[in-house]
């Protein structure tokens, strides 16, 4: 790591620590973690939306 990278990491850490805490329920946490562990498959509507976006933007 360079000196600039170390400073940047420390600066980012300060921003994270200064951010307000999220107050979420136990159920919200469980739903969030479950979505990360077992994501739902992409449905046709989302697939079409992504295709149209890519066609429109050239991505």
PDB file of N, CA and C in Angstrom:
ATOM      1  N   UNK A   1       0.826  -1.188   0.000  1.00  0.00           N
ATOM      2  CA  UNK A   1       0.000   0.000   0.000  1.00  0.00           C
ATOM      3  C   UNK A   1       0.865   1.244   0.000  1.00  0.00           C
ATOM      4  N   UNK A   2       0.420   2.205  -0.744  1.00  0.00           N
ATOM      5  CA  UNK A   2       1.143   3.463  -0.730  1.00  0.00           C
ATOM      6  C   UNK A   2       0.605   4.349   0.383  1.00  0.00           C
ATOM      7  N   UNK A   3       1.339   5.394   0.670  1.00  0.00           N
ATOM      8  CA  UNK A   3       0.925   6.312   1.738  1.00  0.00           C
ATOM      9  C   UNK A   3      -0.444   6.928   1.410  1.00  0.00           C
ATOM     10  N   UNK A   4      -0.686   7.260   0.152  1.00  0.00           N
ATOM     11  CA  UNK A   4      -1.973   7.824  -0.257  1.00  0.00           C
ATOM     12  C   UNK A   4      -3.126   6.859  -0.052  1.00  0.00           C
ATOM     13  N   UNK A   5      -2.884   5.557  -0.324  1.00  0.00           N
ATOM     14  CA  UNK A   5      -3.929   4.559  -0.139  1.00  0.00           C
ATOM     15  C   UNK A   5      -4.265   4.386   1.332  1.00  0.00           C
ATOM     16  N   UNK A   6      -3.265   4.418   2.184  1.00  0.00           N
ATOM     17  CA  UNK A   6      -3.501   4.277   3.621  1.00  0.00           C
ATOM     18  C   UNK A   6      -4.334   5.454   4.120  1.00  0.00           C
ATOM     19  N   UNK A   7      -3.975   6.668   3.715  1.00  0.00           N
ATOM     20  CA  UNK A   7      -4.732   7.846   4.109  1.00  0.00           C
ATOM     21  C   UNK A   7      -6.167   7.779   3.625  1.00  0.00           C
ATOM     22  N   UNK A   8      -6.344   7.296   2.408  1.00  0.00           N
ATOM     23  CA  UNK A   8      -7.678   7.176   1.838  1.00  0.00           C
ATOM     24  C   UNK A   8      -8.511   6.186   2.649  1.00  0.00           C
ATOM     25  N   UNK A   9      -7.913   5.055   3.033  1.00  0.00           N
ATOM     26  CA  UNK A   9      -8.623   4.048   3.813  1.00  0.00           C
ATOM     27  C   UNK A   9      -9.028   4.612   5.167  1.00  0.00           C
ATOM     28  N   UNK A  10      -8.149   5.343   5.799  1.00  0.00           N
ATOM     29  CA  UNK A  10      -8.471   5.942   7.095  1.00  0.00           C
ATOM     30  C   UNK A  10      -9.576   6.981   6.933  1.00  0.00           C
ATOM     31  N   UNK A  11      -9.520   7.745   5.861  1.00  0.00           N
ATOM     32  CA  UNK A  11     -10.535   8.757   5.617  1.00  0.00           C
ATOM     33  C   UNK A  11     -11.901   8.099   5.376  1.00  0.00           C
ATOM     34  N   UNK A  12     -11.942   7.007   4.598  1.00  0.00           N
ATOM     35  CA  UNK A  12     -13.186   6.297   4.360  1.00  0.00           C
ATOM     36  C   UNK A  12     -13.740   5.734   5.657  1.00  0.00           C
ATOM     37  N   UNK A  13     -12.876   5.213   6.517  1.00  0.00           N
ATOM     38  CA  UNK A  13     -13.313   4.661   7.791  1.00  0.00           C
ATOM     39  C   UNK A  13     -13.973   5.744   8.638  1.00  0.00           C
ATOM     40  N   UNK A  14     -13.420   6.924   8.631  1.00  0.00           N
ATOM     41  CA  UNK A  14     -14.012   8.017   9.395  1.00  0.00           C
ATOM     42  C   UNK A  14     -15.409   8.339   8.889  1.00  0.00           C
ATOM     43  N   UNK A  15     -15.586   8.325   7.580  1.00  0.00           N
ATOM     44  CA  UNK A  15     -16.899   8.616   7.025  1.00  0.00           C
ATOM     45  C   UNK A  15     -17.910   7.546   7.430  1.00  0.00           C
ATOM     46  N   UNK A  16     -17.519   6.305   7.449  1.00  0.00           N
ATOM     47  CA  UNK A  16     -18.412   5.222   7.844  1.00  0.00           C
ATOM     48  C   UNK A  16     -18.787   5.358   9.310  1.00  0.00           C
ATOM     49  N   UNK A  17     -17.810   5.660  10.156  1.00  0.00           N
ATOM     50  CA  UNK A  17     -18.089   5.796  11.579  1.00  0.00           C
ATOM     51  C   UNK A  17     -18.969   7.006  11.864  1.00  0.00           C
ATOM     52  N   UNK A  18     -18.894   8.032  11.045  1.00  0.00           N
ATOM     53  CA  UNK A  18     -19.690   9.237  11.251  1.00  0.00           C
ATOM     54  C   UNK A  18     -21.121   9.096  10.719  1.00  0.00           C
ATOM     55  N   UNK A  19     -21.366   8.087   9.926  1.00  0.00           N
ATOM     56  CA  UNK A  19     -22.693   7.906   9.332  1.00  0.00           C
ATOM     57  C   UNK A  19     -23.702   7.518  10.409  1.00  0.00           C
ATOM     58  N   UNK A  20     -24.937   7.969  10.255  1.00  0.00           N
ATOM     59  CA  UNK A  20     -25.948   7.597  11.242  1.00  0.00           C
ATOM     60  C   UNK A  20     -26.247   6.099  11.168  1.00  0.00           C
ATOM     61  N   UNK A  21     -26.550   5.518  12.307  1.00  0.00           N
ATOM     62  CA  UNK A  21     -26.862   4.093  12.362  1.00  0.00           C
ATOM     63  C   UNK A  21     -28.245   3.850  11.771  1.00  0.00           C
ATOM     64  N   UNK A  22     -28.395   2.712  11.121  1.00  0.00           N
ATOM     65  CA  UNK A  22     -29.703   2.329  10.599  1.00  0.00           C
ATOM     66  C   UNK A  22     -30.457   1.578  11.684  1.00  0.00           C
ATOM     67  N   UNK A  23     -31.640   2.014  11.952  1.00  0.00           N
ATOM     68  CA  UNK A  23     -32.470   1.324  12.931  1.00  0.00           C
ATOM     69  C   UNK A  23     -33.445   0.430  12.182  1.00  0.00           C
ATOM     70  N   UNK A  24     -33.107  -0.841  12.108  1.00  0.00           N
ATOM     71  CA  UNK A  24     -33.964  -1.796  11.413  1.00  0.00           C
ATOM     72  C   UNK A  24     -34.386  -2.893  12.387  1.00  0.00           C
ATOM     73  N   UNK A  25     -35.533  -3.480  12.092  1.00  0.00           N
ATOM     74  CA  UNK A  25     -36.055  -4.513  12.974  1.00  0.00           C
ATOM     75  C   UNK A  25     -35.300  -5.825  12.765  1.00  0.00           C
ATOM     76  N   UNK A  26     -35.489  -6.728  13.686  1.00  0.00           N
ATOM     77  CA  UNK A  26     -34.881  -8.057  13.568  1.00  0.00           C
ATOM     78  C   UNK A  26     -35.394  -8.736  12.306  1.00  0.00           C
ATOM     79  N   UNK A  27     -36.675  -8.573  12.009  1.00  0.00           N
ATOM     80  CA  UNK A  27     -37.244  -9.172  10.804  1.00  0.00           C
ATOM     81  C   UNK A  27     -36.600  -8.593   9.549  1.00  0.00           C
ATOM     82  N   UNK A  28     -36.394  -7.272   9.511  1.00  0.00           N
ATOM     83  CA  UNK A  28     -35.736  -6.638   8.359  1.00  0.00           C
ATOM     84  C   UNK A  28     -34.338  -7.214   8.150  1.00  0.00           C
ATOM     85  N   UNK A  29     -33.612  -7.415   9.222  1.00  0.00           N
ATOM     86  CA  UNK A  29     -32.262  -7.993   9.130  1.00  0.00           C
ATOM     87  C   UNK A  29     -32.312  -9.406   8.574  1.00  0.00           C
ATOM     88  N   UNK A  30     -33.267 -10.192   9.054  1.00  0.00           N
ATOM     89  CA  UNK A  30     -33.389 -11.576   8.587  1.00  0.00           C
ATOM     90  C   UNK A  30     -33.732 -11.622   7.103  1.00  0.00           C
ATOM     91  N   UNK A  31     -34.653 -10.763   6.680  1.00  0.00           N
ATOM     92  CA  UNK A  31     -35.038 -10.719   5.267  1.00  0.00           C
ATOM     93  C   UNK A  31     -33.848 -10.304   4.406  1.00  0.00           C
ATOM     94  N   UNK A  32     -33.086  -9.315   4.858  1.00  0.00           N
ATOM     95  CA  UNK A  32     -31.925  -8.835   4.110  1.00  0.00           C
ATOM     96  C   UNK A  32     -30.887  -9.938   3.950  1.00  0.00           C
ATOM     97  N   UNK A  33     -30.551 -10.614   5.050  1.00  0.00           N
ATOM     98  CA  UNK A  33     -29.534 -11.668   5.005  1.00  0.00           C
ATOM     99  C   UNK A  33     -30.016 -12.826   4.139  1.00  0.00           C
ATOM    100  N   UNK A  34     -31.284 -13.190   4.254  1.00  0.00           N
ATOM    101  CA  UNK A  34     -31.808 -14.281   3.441  1.00  0.00           C
ATOM    102  C   UNK A  34     -31.751 -13.936   1.953  1.00  0.00           C
ATOM    103  N   UNK A  35     -32.015 -12.675   1.618  1.00  0.00           N
ATOM    104  CA  UNK A  35     -31.938 -12.251   0.219  1.00  0.00           C
ATOM    105  C   UNK A  35     -30.505 -12.351  -0.307  1.00  0.00           C
ATOM    106  N   UNK A  36     -29.522 -12.107   0.556  1.00  0.00           N
ATOM    107  CA  UNK A  36     -28.120 -12.242   0.145  1.00  0.00           C
ATOM    108  C   UNK A  36     -27.731 -13.705  -0.023  1.00  0.00           C
ATOM    109  N   UNK A  37     -28.214 -14.542   0.887  1.00  0.00           N
ATOM    110  CA  UNK A  37     -27.846 -15.953   0.874  1.00  0.00           C
ATOM    111  C   UNK A  37     -28.578 -16.715  -0.224  1.00  0.00           C
ATOM    112  N   UNK A  38     -29.881 -16.439  -0.369  1.00  0.00           N
ATOM    113  CA  UNK A  38     -30.693 -17.163  -1.350  1.00  0.00           C
ATOM    114  C   UNK A  38     -31.439 -16.165  -2.230  1.00  0.00           C
ATOM    115  N   UNK A  39     -30.742 -15.532  -3.181  1.00  0.00           N
ATOM    116  CA  UNK A  39     -31.421 -14.550  -4.034  1.00  0.00           C
ATOM    117  C   UNK A  39     -32.464 -15.216  -4.930  1.00  0.00           C
ATOM    118  N   UNK A  40     -33.516 -14.467  -5.222  1.00  0.00           N
ATOM    119  CA  UNK A  40     -34.560 -14.963  -6.110  1.00  0.00           C
ATOM    120  C   UNK A  40     -34.042 -14.970  -7.548  1.00  0.00           C
ATOM    121  N   UNK A  41     -34.508 -15.901  -8.375  1.00  0.00           N
ATOM    122  CA  UNK A  41     -34.087 -15.903  -9.774  1.00  0.00           C
ATOM    123  C   UNK A  41     -34.637 -14.665 -10.498  1.00  0.00           C
ATOM    124  N   UNK A  42     -33.948 -14.263 -11.541  1.00  0.00           N
ATOM    125  CA  UNK A  42     -34.369 -13.109 -12.334  1.00  0.00           C
ATOM    126  C   UNK A  42     -35.616 -13.495 -13.118  1.00  0.00           C
ATOM    127  N   UNK A  43     -36.646 -12.642 -13.035  1.00  0.00           N
ATOM    128  CA  UNK A  43     -37.870 -12.948 -13.774  1.00  0.00           C
ATOM    129  C   UNK A  43     -37.821 -12.328 -15.167  1.00  0.00           C
ATOM    130  N   UNK A  44     -38.795 -12.671 -15.992  1.00  0.00           N
ATOM    131  CA  UNK A  44     -38.803 -12.214 -17.381  1.00  0.00           C
ATOM    132  C   UNK A  44     -38.895 -10.698 -17.494  1.00  0.00           C
ATOM    133  N   UNK A  45     -39.662 -10.064 -16.605  1.00  0.00           N
ATOM    134  CA  UNK A  45     -39.818  -8.615 -16.667  1.00  0.00           C
ATOM    135  C   UNK A  45     -38.478  -7.922 -16.435  1.00  0.00           C
ATOM    136  N   UNK A  46     -37.735  -8.361 -15.430  1.00  0.00           N
ATOM    137  CA  UNK A  46     -36.433  -7.756 -15.163  1.00  0.00           C
ATOM    138  C   UNK A  46     -35.471  -8.029 -16.313  1.00  0.00           C
ATOM    139  N   UNK A  47     -35.488  -9.233 -16.835  1.00  0.00           N
ATOM    140  CA  UNK A  47     -34.613  -9.591 -17.956  1.00  0.00           C
ATOM    141  C   UNK A  47     -34.902  -8.684 -19.162  1.00  0.00           C
ATOM    142  N   UNK A  48     -36.189  -8.444 -19.450  1.00  0.00           N
ATOM    143  CA  UNK A  48     -36.563  -7.570 -20.565  1.00  0.00           C
ATOM    144  C   UNK A  48     -36.132  -6.127 -20.312  1.00  0.00           C
ATOM    145  N   UNK A  49     -36.289  -5.679 -19.073  1.00  0.00           N
ATOM    146  CA  UNK A  49     -35.887  -4.320 -18.712  1.00  0.00           C
ATOM    147  C   UNK A  49     -34.392  -4.119 -18.912  1.00  0.00           C
ATOM    148  N   UNK A  50     -33.597  -5.084 -18.494  1.00  0.00           N
ATOM    149  CA  UNK A  50     -32.146  -5.001 -18.662  1.00  0.00           C
ATOM    150  C   UNK A  50     -31.792  -5.005 -20.144  1.00  0.00           C
ATOM    151  N   UNK A  51     -32.448  -5.853 -20.911  1.00  0.00           N
ATOM    152  CA  UNK A  51     -32.186  -5.909 -22.358  1.00  0.00           C
ATOM    153  C   UNK A  51     -32.506  -4.570 -23.014  1.00  0.00           C
ATOM    154  N   UNK A  52     -33.663  -3.969 -22.688  1.00  0.00           N
ATOM    155  CA  UNK A  52     -34.043  -2.685 -23.260  1.00  0.00           C
ATOM    156  C   UNK A  52     -33.069  -1.582 -22.851  1.00  0.00           C
ATOM    157  N   UNK A  53     -32.634  -1.613 -21.599  1.00  0.00           N
ATOM    158  CA  UNK A  53     -31.657  -0.626 -21.128  1.00  0.00           C
ATOM    159  C   UNK A  53     -30.357  -0.749 -21.907  1.00  0.00           C
ATOM    160  N   UNK A  54     -29.899  -1.966 -22.065  1.00  0.00           N
ATOM    161  CA  UNK A  54     -28.645  -2.182 -22.794  1.00  0.00           C
ATOM    162  C   UNK A  54     -28.761  -1.749 -24.251  1.00  0.00           C
ATOM    163  N   UNK A  55     -29.892  -2.015 -24.862  1.00  0.00           N
ATOM    164  CA  UNK A  55     -30.101  -1.588 -26.247  1.00  0.00           C
ATOM    165  C   UNK A  55     -30.126  -0.062 -26.346  1.00  0.00           C
ATOM    166  N   UNK A  56     -30.768   0.592 -25.381  1.00  0.00           N
ATOM    167  CA  UNK A  56     -30.899   2.051 -25.405  1.00  0.00           C
ATOM    168  C   UNK A  56     -29.584   2.753 -25.119  1.00  0.00           C
ATOM    169  N   UNK A  57     -28.760   2.160 -24.244  1.00  0.00           N
ATOM    170  CA  UNK A  57     -27.529   2.837 -23.836  1.00  0.00           C
ATOM    171  C   UNK A  57     -26.285   2.297 -24.543  1.00  0.00           C
ATOM    172  N   UNK A  58     -26.407   1.161 -25.207  1.00  0.00           N
ATOM    173  CA  UNK A  58     -25.254   0.580 -25.874  1.00  0.00           C
ATOM    174  C   UNK A  58     -24.302  -0.119 -24.939  1.00  0.00           C
ATOM    175  N   UNK A  59     -24.776  -0.466 -23.768  1.00  0.00           N
ATOM    176  CA  UNK A  59     -23.939  -1.141 -22.768  1.00  0.00           C
ATOM    177  C   UNK A  59     -23.915  -2.618 -23.058  1.00  0.00           C
TER     178      UNK A  59
END
